[in-house]
Each structure stands twice: as structure tokens, then as C-alpha cells.
Amino acid sequence: VQLQASGGGLVQPGGSLRLSCAASGVIASINYMGWYRQVPGKQRELVAAVVSGGSTNYADSVKGRFTISRDNARNTVYLQMNSLKAEDTAVYYCNAEGTTGWSEQFSSWGQGTLVTVSS
């Protein structure tokens, strides 16, 4: 299963961006989709996640500003980022976990997309 992330770029503080991540391959089900971010010298951290039942989880630093959503028909997860701050600058990675069409469990990562918040 492969993940393709897109939507990063340069935005001014207070601006918005929407990230997308599409999973492709022979997929039976996806139980979990999440967005993580990483800055140089620091560990990758969870930003937001959504499970198959629709429950979501957010890092405290993004609550009220970011919204994760999922299109099950397209095996795609989105991250709407509003009121962006300089400290949101990072490479954002998507992750998905589920079952392939051959009944194998998978956990895949996207290639990362850079978000830069700067004036």
C-alpha cells in the first residue's frame, strides 16, 4: 500500500493550508489514518489521527486550529490547517494502517510534504 501526500507549501502566519493523503493498492480496509510532523533534530510527533469509526485525536498544540477528515470511498485523509503559526513549520507525513486485499496487515507512510509558515 502506498501513500501519496500533497498540499504543503509556504503560507503566512494566520493563513491556511489543506493537506491530502491518498492510499493506493489492494486495500480491504483502513483502520487508522494519521498526520505526523517532524522538524530537524526532533522526533516525529502525532498531529492528528482518525480511526475507522470516525473518532479523532489531536495534539494539544493544534486543537481548535486543525481538522482531520477522511473520505473512505477514496481512501484519502485530509488535514485542514487554519490559523497557522511559525511553530507549525515542519515536514508533514501521513500514516495509514489496515488490511490488504490479501488479508495482510499493513502500516504505510507517505513521502512527506513541507509546510513553511513565514512572513
N, C-alpha and C. Protein backbone atom coordinates (compact mmCIF):
# COMPACT_ATOMS: atom_id res chain seq x y z
N VAL A 1 0.85 -1.18 0.00
CA VAL A 1 0.00 0.00 0.00
C VAL A 1 0.89 1.24 0.00
N GLN A 2 0.61 2.14 -0.89
CA GLN A 2 1.39 3.37 -1.00
C GLN A 2 0.54 4.58 -0.63
N LEU A 3 1.19 5.55 0.00
CA LEU A 3 0.52 6.78 0.36
C LEU A 3 1.16 7.94 -0.39
N GLN A 4 0.35 8.81 -0.95
CA GLN A 4 0.82 9.98 -1.68
C GLN A 4 0.27 11.22 -1.00
N ALA A 5 1.17 12.00 -0.41
CA ALA A 5 0.77 13.22 0.28
C ALA A 5 0.99 14.43 -0.61
N SER A 6 0.15 15.43 -0.42
CA SER A 6 0.27 16.67 -1.20
C SER A 6 -0.35 17.82 -0.41
N GLY A 7 -0.06 19.03 -0.88
CA GLY A 7 -0.71 20.20 -0.31
C GLY A 7 0.16 21.12 0.51
N GLY A 8 1.41 20.73 0.74
CA GLY A 8 2.29 21.60 1.50
C GLY A 8 2.68 22.83 0.72
N GLY A 9 3.36 23.75 1.41
CA GLY A 9 3.81 24.95 0.75
C GLY A 9 4.16 26.04 1.74
N LEU A 10 4.32 27.24 1.21
CA LEU A 10 4.66 28.41 2.02
C LEU A 10 3.39 29.22 2.28
N VAL A 11 3.17 29.56 3.53
CA VAL A 11 1.99 30.34 3.90
C VAL A 11 2.38 31.33 4.98
N GLN A 12 1.71 32.45 5.00
CA GLN A 12 1.99 33.46 6.02
C GLN A 12 1.33 33.08 7.35
N PRO A 13 1.87 33.56 8.44
CA PRO A 13 1.21 33.31 9.74
C PRO A 13 -0.24 33.75 9.70
N GLY A 14 -1.09 32.91 10.28
CA GLY A 14 -2.53 33.19 10.25
C GLY A 14 -3.24 32.60 9.05
N GLY A 15 -2.48 32.12 8.10
CA GLY A 15 -3.07 31.56 6.89
C GLY A 15 -3.50 30.12 7.06
N SER A 16 -3.95 29.54 5.94
CA SER A 16 -4.48 28.17 5.95
C SER A 16 -3.86 27.34 4.84
N LEU A 17 -3.81 26.04 5.08
CA LEU A 17 -3.40 25.07 4.08
C LEU A 17 -4.22 23.81 4.29
N ARG A 18 -4.39 23.06 3.23
CA ARG A 18 -5.07 21.77 3.32
C ARG A 18 -4.17 20.70 2.74
N LEU A 19 -3.83 19.73 3.57
CA LEU A 19 -3.03 18.60 3.14
C LEU A 19 -3.94 17.44 2.77
N SER A 20 -3.50 16.67 1.78
CA SER A 20 -4.23 15.47 1.36
C SER A 20 -3.28 14.30 1.33
N CYS A 21 -3.81 13.12 1.57
CA CYS A 21 -3.01 11.90 1.50
C CYS A 21 -3.90 10.78 1.02
N ALA A 22 -3.55 10.23 -0.14
CA ALA A 22 -4.34 9.17 -0.74
C ALA A 22 -3.60 7.85 -0.68
N ALA A 23 -4.30 6.82 -0.26
CA ALA A 23 -3.74 5.47 -0.21
C ALA A 23 -4.14 4.71 -1.46
N SER A 24 -3.17 3.98 -2.01
CA SER A 24 -3.46 3.19 -3.21
C SER A 24 -2.92 1.78 -3.05
N GLY A 25 -3.50 0.86 -3.79
CA GLY A 25 -3.12 -0.53 -3.69
C GLY A 25 -4.35 -1.38 -3.49
N VAL A 26 -4.13 -2.66 -3.22
CA VAL A 26 -5.25 -3.55 -2.98
C VAL A 26 -5.56 -3.50 -1.48
N ILE A 27 -6.56 -2.72 -1.16
CA ILE A 27 -6.86 -2.42 0.24
C ILE A 27 -8.23 -2.99 0.61
N ALA A 28 -8.26 -3.75 1.66
CA ALA A 28 -9.53 -4.26 2.15
C ALA A 28 -10.17 -3.28 3.13
N SER A 29 -9.35 -2.75 4.00
CA SER A 29 -9.86 -1.80 4.98
C SER A 29 -8.71 -0.99 5.56
N ILE A 30 -9.03 0.22 5.95
CA ILE A 30 -8.07 1.09 6.64
C ILE A 30 -8.66 1.42 8.01
N ASN A 31 -7.96 1.05 9.05
CA ASN A 31 -8.46 1.24 10.40
C ASN A 31 -8.05 2.58 10.99
N TYR A 32 -6.92 3.08 10.52
CA TYR A 32 -6.32 4.26 11.15
C TYR A 32 -5.62 5.09 10.08
N MET A 33 -5.82 6.40 10.14
CA MET A 33 -5.08 7.33 9.29
C MET A 33 -4.68 8.51 10.16
N GLY A 34 -3.42 8.91 10.01
CA GLY A 34 -2.94 9.99 10.85
C GLY A 34 -1.96 10.89 10.14
N TRP A 35 -1.80 12.05 10.69
CA TRP A 35 -0.80 13.02 10.23
C TRP A 35 0.22 13.24 11.34
N TYR A 36 1.48 13.23 10.97
CA TYR A 36 2.57 13.48 11.89
C TYR A 36 3.42 14.60 11.30
N ARG A 37 4.27 15.18 12.14
CA ARG A 37 5.20 16.18 11.62
C ARG A 37 6.54 16.06 12.31
N GLN A 38 7.55 16.54 11.62
CA GLN A 38 8.90 16.44 12.14
C GLN A 38 9.71 17.65 11.71
N VAL A 39 10.46 18.18 12.66
CA VAL A 39 11.41 19.25 12.37
C VAL A 39 12.81 18.70 12.62
N PRO A 40 13.81 19.26 11.97
CA PRO A 40 15.18 18.74 12.15
C PRO A 40 15.59 18.70 13.61
N GLY A 41 16.15 17.59 14.02
CA GLY A 41 16.65 17.45 15.38
C GLY A 41 15.62 17.02 16.40
N LYS A 42 14.39 16.85 15.96
CA LYS A 42 13.33 16.43 16.88
C LYS A 42 12.64 15.17 16.37
N GLN A 43 11.99 14.49 17.30
CA GLN A 43 11.27 13.28 16.93
C GLN A 43 9.99 13.62 16.18
N ARG A 44 9.57 12.68 15.36
CA ARG A 44 8.30 12.83 14.67
C ARG A 44 7.19 12.79 15.72
N GLU A 45 6.22 13.71 15.58
CA GLU A 45 5.14 13.77 16.56
C GLU A 45 3.78 13.67 15.88
N LEU A 46 2.85 13.10 16.61
CA LEU A 46 1.48 12.99 16.10
C LEU A 46 0.83 14.37 16.09
N VAL A 47 0.20 14.70 14.97
CA VAL A 47 -0.56 15.93 14.87
C VAL A 47 -2.05 15.65 15.04
N ALA A 48 -2.55 14.69 14.27
CA ALA A 48 -3.98 14.35 14.32
C ALA A 48 -4.18 12.96 13.74
N ALA A 49 -5.21 12.29 14.20
CA ALA A 49 -5.50 10.95 13.71
C ALA A 49 -7.00 10.72 13.70
N VAL A 50 -7.42 9.82 12.82
CA VAL A 50 -8.83 9.45 12.74
C VAL A 50 -8.90 7.94 12.54
N VAL A 51 -9.79 7.29 13.29
CA VAL A 51 -9.95 5.85 13.16
C VAL A 51 -11.21 5.54 12.36
N SER A 52 -11.38 4.27 12.05
CA SER A 52 -12.45 3.88 11.14
C SER A 52 -13.83 4.25 11.65
N GLY A 53 -14.01 4.31 12.95
CA GLY A 53 -15.31 4.67 13.49
C GLY A 53 -15.60 6.16 13.46
N GLY A 54 -14.56 6.94 13.10
CA GLY A 54 -14.73 8.38 12.99
C GLY A 54 -14.16 9.17 14.15
N SER A 55 -13.73 8.49 15.19
CA SER A 55 -13.14 9.22 16.33
C SER A 55 -11.83 9.86 15.92
N THR A 56 -11.60 11.04 16.46
CA THR A 56 -10.39 11.78 16.13
C THR A 56 -9.59 12.09 17.38
N ASN A 57 -8.31 12.37 17.15
CA ASN A 57 -7.40 12.72 18.23
C ASN A 57 -6.47 13.80 17.72
N TYR A 58 -6.19 14.81 18.54
CA TYR A 58 -5.35 15.92 18.14
C TYR A 58 -4.28 16.20 19.18
N ALA A 59 -3.13 16.65 18.70
CA ALA A 59 -2.13 17.18 19.61
C ALA A 59 -2.68 18.45 20.24
N ASP A 60 -2.33 18.69 21.48
CA ASP A 60 -2.83 19.88 22.17
C ASP A 60 -2.48 21.16 21.42
N SER A 61 -1.33 21.16 20.78
CA SER A 61 -0.84 22.37 20.12
C SER A 61 -1.66 22.76 18.89
N VAL A 62 -2.46 21.84 18.37
CA VAL A 62 -3.23 22.15 17.15
C VAL A 62 -4.73 22.12 17.38
N LYS A 63 -5.16 21.77 18.56
CA LYS A 63 -6.61 21.71 18.84
C LYS A 63 -7.26 23.07 18.59
N GLY A 64 -8.38 23.02 17.90
CA GLY A 64 -9.10 24.24 17.58
C GLY A 64 -8.62 24.93 16.32
N ARG A 65 -7.48 24.49 15.79
CA ARG A 65 -6.94 25.10 14.57
C ARG A 65 -6.91 24.12 13.39
N PHE A 66 -6.63 22.87 13.68
CA PHE A 66 -6.52 21.84 12.64
C PHE A 66 -7.72 20.91 12.71
N THR A 67 -8.12 20.43 11.54
CA THR A 67 -9.22 19.45 11.47
C THR A 67 -8.83 18.31 10.54
N ILE A 68 -8.92 17.10 11.05
CA ILE A 68 -8.63 15.92 10.23
C ILE A 68 -9.97 15.34 9.76
N SER A 69 -9.99 14.91 8.52
CA SER A 69 -11.18 14.27 7.98
C SER A 69 -10.75 13.16 7.03
N ARG A 70 -11.72 12.33 6.70
CA ARG A 70 -11.38 11.14 5.92
C ARG A 70 -12.50 10.86 4.92
N ASP A 71 -12.09 10.51 3.70
CA ASP A 71 -13.02 10.07 2.66
C ASP A 71 -12.78 8.58 2.46
N ASN A 72 -13.63 7.78 3.03
CA ASN A 72 -13.43 6.34 2.98
C ASN A 72 -13.52 5.79 1.56
N ALA A 73 -14.37 6.36 0.75
CA ALA A 73 -14.52 5.88 -0.62
C ALA A 73 -13.26 6.08 -1.45
N ARG A 74 -12.53 7.14 -1.11
CA ARG A 74 -11.29 7.44 -1.84
C ARG A 74 -10.04 7.05 -1.07
N ASN A 75 -10.20 6.44 0.10
CA ASN A 75 -9.04 6.07 0.93
C ASN A 75 -8.11 7.26 1.11
N THR A 76 -8.69 8.39 1.39
CA THR A 76 -7.94 9.64 1.48
C THR A 76 -8.20 10.31 2.83
N VAL A 77 -7.15 10.88 3.38
CA VAL A 77 -7.26 11.64 4.62
C VAL A 77 -6.81 13.08 4.34
N TYR A 78 -7.47 14.01 4.99
CA TYR A 78 -7.17 15.43 4.81
C TYR A 78 -6.79 16.05 6.16
N LEU A 79 -6.02 17.09 6.08
CA LEU A 79 -5.72 17.88 7.27
C LEU A 79 -5.91 19.35 6.91
N GLN A 80 -6.98 19.93 7.41
CA GLN A 80 -7.23 21.35 7.21
C GLN A 80 -6.53 22.11 8.33
N MET A 81 -5.62 22.97 7.95
CA MET A 81 -4.82 23.71 8.92
C MET A 81 -5.14 25.19 8.83
N ASN A 82 -5.70 25.74 9.88
CA ASN A 82 -6.05 27.16 9.93
C ASN A 82 -5.23 27.86 11.01
N SER A 83 -5.22 29.16 10.93
CA SER A 83 -4.51 29.98 11.93
C SER A 83 -3.09 29.47 12.14
N LEU A 84 -2.40 29.25 11.04
CA LEU A 84 -1.07 28.65 11.11
C LEU A 84 -0.08 29.58 11.81
N LYS A 85 0.84 28.96 12.54
CA LYS A 85 1.86 29.67 13.28
C LYS A 85 3.23 29.23 12.79
N ALA A 86 4.23 30.03 13.08
CA ALA A 86 5.59 29.70 12.66
C ALA A 86 6.01 28.33 13.22
N GLU A 87 5.56 28.02 14.41
CA GLU A 87 5.94 26.75 15.02
C GLU A 87 5.27 25.54 14.38
N ASP A 88 4.36 25.76 13.44
CA ASP A 88 3.77 24.65 12.69
C ASP A 88 4.67 24.24 11.52
N THR A 89 5.71 25.00 11.27
CA THR A 89 6.64 24.69 10.19
C THR A 89 7.28 23.33 10.43
N ALA A 90 7.15 22.44 9.46
CA ALA A 90 7.67 21.08 9.61
C ALA A 90 7.42 20.32 8.31
N VAL A 91 8.01 19.13 8.23
CA VAL A 91 7.62 18.18 7.20
C VAL A 91 6.49 17.34 7.77
N TYR A 92 5.40 17.28 7.04
CA TYR A 92 4.22 16.54 7.49
C TYR A 92 4.14 15.21 6.76
N TYR A 93 3.93 14.17 7.54
CA TYR A 93 3.84 12.81 7.00
C TYR A 93 2.47 12.22 7.31
N CYS A 94 1.94 11.46 6.37
CA CYS A 94 0.71 10.73 6.66
C CYS A 94 1.05 9.26 6.90
N ASN A 95 0.19 8.63 7.66
CA ASN A 95 0.35 7.22 8.00
C ASN A 95 -1.01 6.54 7.93
N ALA A 96 -1.01 5.31 7.44
CA ALA A 96 -2.25 4.55 7.39
C ALA A 96 -1.97 3.12 7.81
N GLU A 97 -2.90 2.54 8.53
CA GLU A 97 -2.80 1.14 8.98
C GLU A 97 -4.10 0.43 8.66
N GLY A 98 -3.96 -0.79 8.18
CA GLY A 98 -5.17 -1.54 7.84
C GLY A 98 -4.86 -2.92 7.36
N THR A 99 -5.73 -3.42 6.48
CA THR A 99 -5.61 -4.77 5.95
C THR A 99 -5.65 -4.74 4.43
N THR A 100 -4.73 -5.46 3.81
CA THR A 100 -4.72 -5.52 2.35
C THR A 100 -5.77 -6.51 1.85
N GLY A 101 -5.89 -6.53 0.55
CA GLY A 101 -6.82 -7.46 -0.07
C GLY A 101 -6.40 -8.92 0.07
N TRP A 102 -5.17 -9.11 0.50
CA TRP A 102 -4.68 -10.48 0.75
C TRP A 102 -4.69 -10.81 2.24
N SER A 103 -5.46 -10.02 2.99
CA SER A 103 -5.63 -10.25 4.43
C SER A 103 -4.34 -10.08 5.21
N GLU A 104 -3.46 -9.21 4.72
CA GLU A 104 -2.22 -8.90 5.44
C GLU A 104 -2.35 -7.52 6.07
N GLN A 105 -1.81 -7.40 7.27
CA GLN A 105 -1.82 -6.10 7.93
C GLN A 105 -0.75 -5.20 7.31
N PHE A 106 -1.04 -3.94 7.19
CA PHE A 106 -0.04 -3.01 6.66
C PHE A 106 0.01 -1.74 7.51
N SER A 107 1.14 -1.10 7.48
CA SER A 107 1.34 0.23 8.04
C SER A 107 2.25 0.97 7.09
N SER A 108 1.72 1.98 6.44
CA SER A 108 2.47 2.68 5.40
C SER A 108 2.59 4.16 5.72
N TRP A 109 3.68 4.74 5.21
CA TRP A 109 3.94 6.17 5.39
C TRP A 109 4.01 6.86 4.03
N GLY A 110 3.53 8.07 3.99
CA GLY A 110 3.69 8.91 2.81
C GLY A 110 5.09 9.49 2.78
N GLN A 111 5.39 10.20 1.70
CA GLN A 111 6.74 10.68 1.46
C GLN A 111 7.05 11.98 2.20
N GLY A 112 6.06 12.62 2.80
CA GLY A 112 6.31 13.88 3.50
C GLY A 112 6.06 15.07 2.60
N THR A 113 5.46 16.08 3.16
CA THR A 113 5.24 17.33 2.44
C THR A 113 5.60 18.49 3.37
N LEU A 114 6.37 19.43 2.85
CA LEU A 114 6.90 20.51 3.67
C LEU A 114 5.89 21.64 3.81
N VAL A 115 5.65 22.04 5.04
CA VAL A 115 4.82 23.20 5.35
C VAL A 115 5.71 24.25 6.00
N THR A 116 5.77 25.42 5.40
CA THR A 116 6.57 26.52 5.92
C THR A 116 5.66 27.69 6.22
N VAL A 117 5.66 28.12 7.47
CA VAL A 117 4.84 29.26 7.88
C VAL A 117 5.78 30.42 8.18
N SER A 118 5.75 31.41 7.31
CA SER A 118 6.70 32.52 7.43
C SER A 118 6.16 33.74 6.70
N SER A 119 6.51 34.90 7.23
CA SER A 119 6.12 36.14 6.56
C SER A 119 7.23 36.61 5.63
